[in-house]
Protein backbone atom coordinates (compact mmCIF):
# COMPACT_ATOMS: atom_id res chain seq x y z
CA UNK A 1 2.33 11.49 5.15
CA UNK A 2 3.32 7.93 5.91
CA UNK A 3 1.82 5.11 3.88
CA UNK A 4 0.76 1.98 5.66
CA UNK A 5 -0.89 -1.32 4.90
CA UNK A 6 -3.75 -2.64 6.95
CA UNK A 7 -4.20 -6.33 7.77
CA UNK A 8 -7.42 -7.41 9.39
CA UNK A 9 -8.04 -10.82 10.96
CA UNK A 10 -11.04 -12.33 12.70
CA UNK A 11 -11.38 -15.32 14.96
CA UNK A 12 -14.15 -16.83 17.08
CA UNK A 13 -13.57 -17.75 20.70
CA UNK A 14 -15.55 -18.34 23.87
CA UNK A 15 -15.03 -16.90 27.34
CA UNK A 16 -16.75 -16.40 30.67
CA UNK A 17 -16.27 -13.59 33.17
CA UNK A 18 -16.65 -15.91 36.16
CA UNK A 19 -15.07 -19.09 34.70
CA UNK A 20 -18.40 -20.96 34.91
CA UNK A 21 -19.20 -23.12 31.92
CA UNK A 22 -22.88 -22.17 31.99
CA UNK A 23 -21.93 -18.49 31.56
CA UNK A 24 -19.66 -18.99 28.57
CA UNK A 25 -20.48 -17.05 25.45
CA UNK A 26 -18.85 -16.58 22.08
CA UNK A 27 -17.40 -13.51 20.42
CA UNK A 28 -15.91 -12.76 17.06
CA UNK A 29 -12.72 -10.84 17.71
CA UNK A 30 -11.16 -8.54 15.14
CA UNK A 31 -7.43 -7.86 15.14
CA UNK A 32 -6.09 -5.03 12.98
CA UNK A 33 -2.41 -4.67 12.22
CA UNK A 34 -0.91 -1.63 10.51
CA UNK A 35 2.40 -2.09 8.71
CA UNK A 36 4.50 0.71 7.30
CA UNK A 37 7.90 0.82 5.77
CA UNK A 38 10.69 3.19 6.67
CA UNK A 39 12.01 3.55 3.14
CA UNK A 40 10.14 3.43 -0.11
CA UNK A 41 12.68 0.94 -1.46
CA UNK A 42 11.86 -1.65 1.20
CA UNK A 43 9.62 -4.52 0.26
CA UNK A 44 6.93 -5.75 2.60
CA UNK A 45 6.52 -9.49 2.40
CA UNK A 46 2.75 -9.69 2.75
CA UNK A 47 2.62 -13.46 2.52
CA UNK A 48 5.17 -13.86 5.33
CA UNK A 49 3.34 -11.48 7.66
CA UNK A 50 0.00 -13.11 6.91
CA UNK A 51 1.38 -16.59 7.53
CA UNK A 52 2.87 -15.67 10.92
CA UNK A 53 -0.23 -13.86 12.17
CA UNK A 54 -2.61 -16.55 10.91
CA UNK A 55 -0.60 -19.32 12.57
CA UNK A 56 -0.58 -17.40 15.85
CA UNK A 57 -4.32 -16.61 15.83
CA UNK A 58 -5.34 -20.14 14.78
CA UNK A 59 -4.51 -21.38 18.28
CA UNK A 60 -7.40 -19.27 19.61
CA UNK A 61 -9.98 -20.16 16.94
CA UNK A 62 -13.02 -21.87 18.53
CA UNK A 63 -11.35 -22.27 21.92
CA UNK A 64 -12.25 -21.18 25.44
CA UNK A 65 -10.01 -18.27 26.36
CA UNK A 66 -10.37 -18.94 30.09
CA UNK A 67 -8.61 -22.31 29.77
């Protein structure tokens, strides 16, 4: 049985199916990332992973995804 670590992130963003501003609505999106290690001796740098993912997802926080 393989062990893994679960990271979960949430961000809020707006979108519209037809690109019309009056039809925009907001969602809270949840992203789940599973990380496992190949060898028990490996270290997983949680802070590094969290920093990279958070920086990436911050660009979508409170934005319009259709833009």
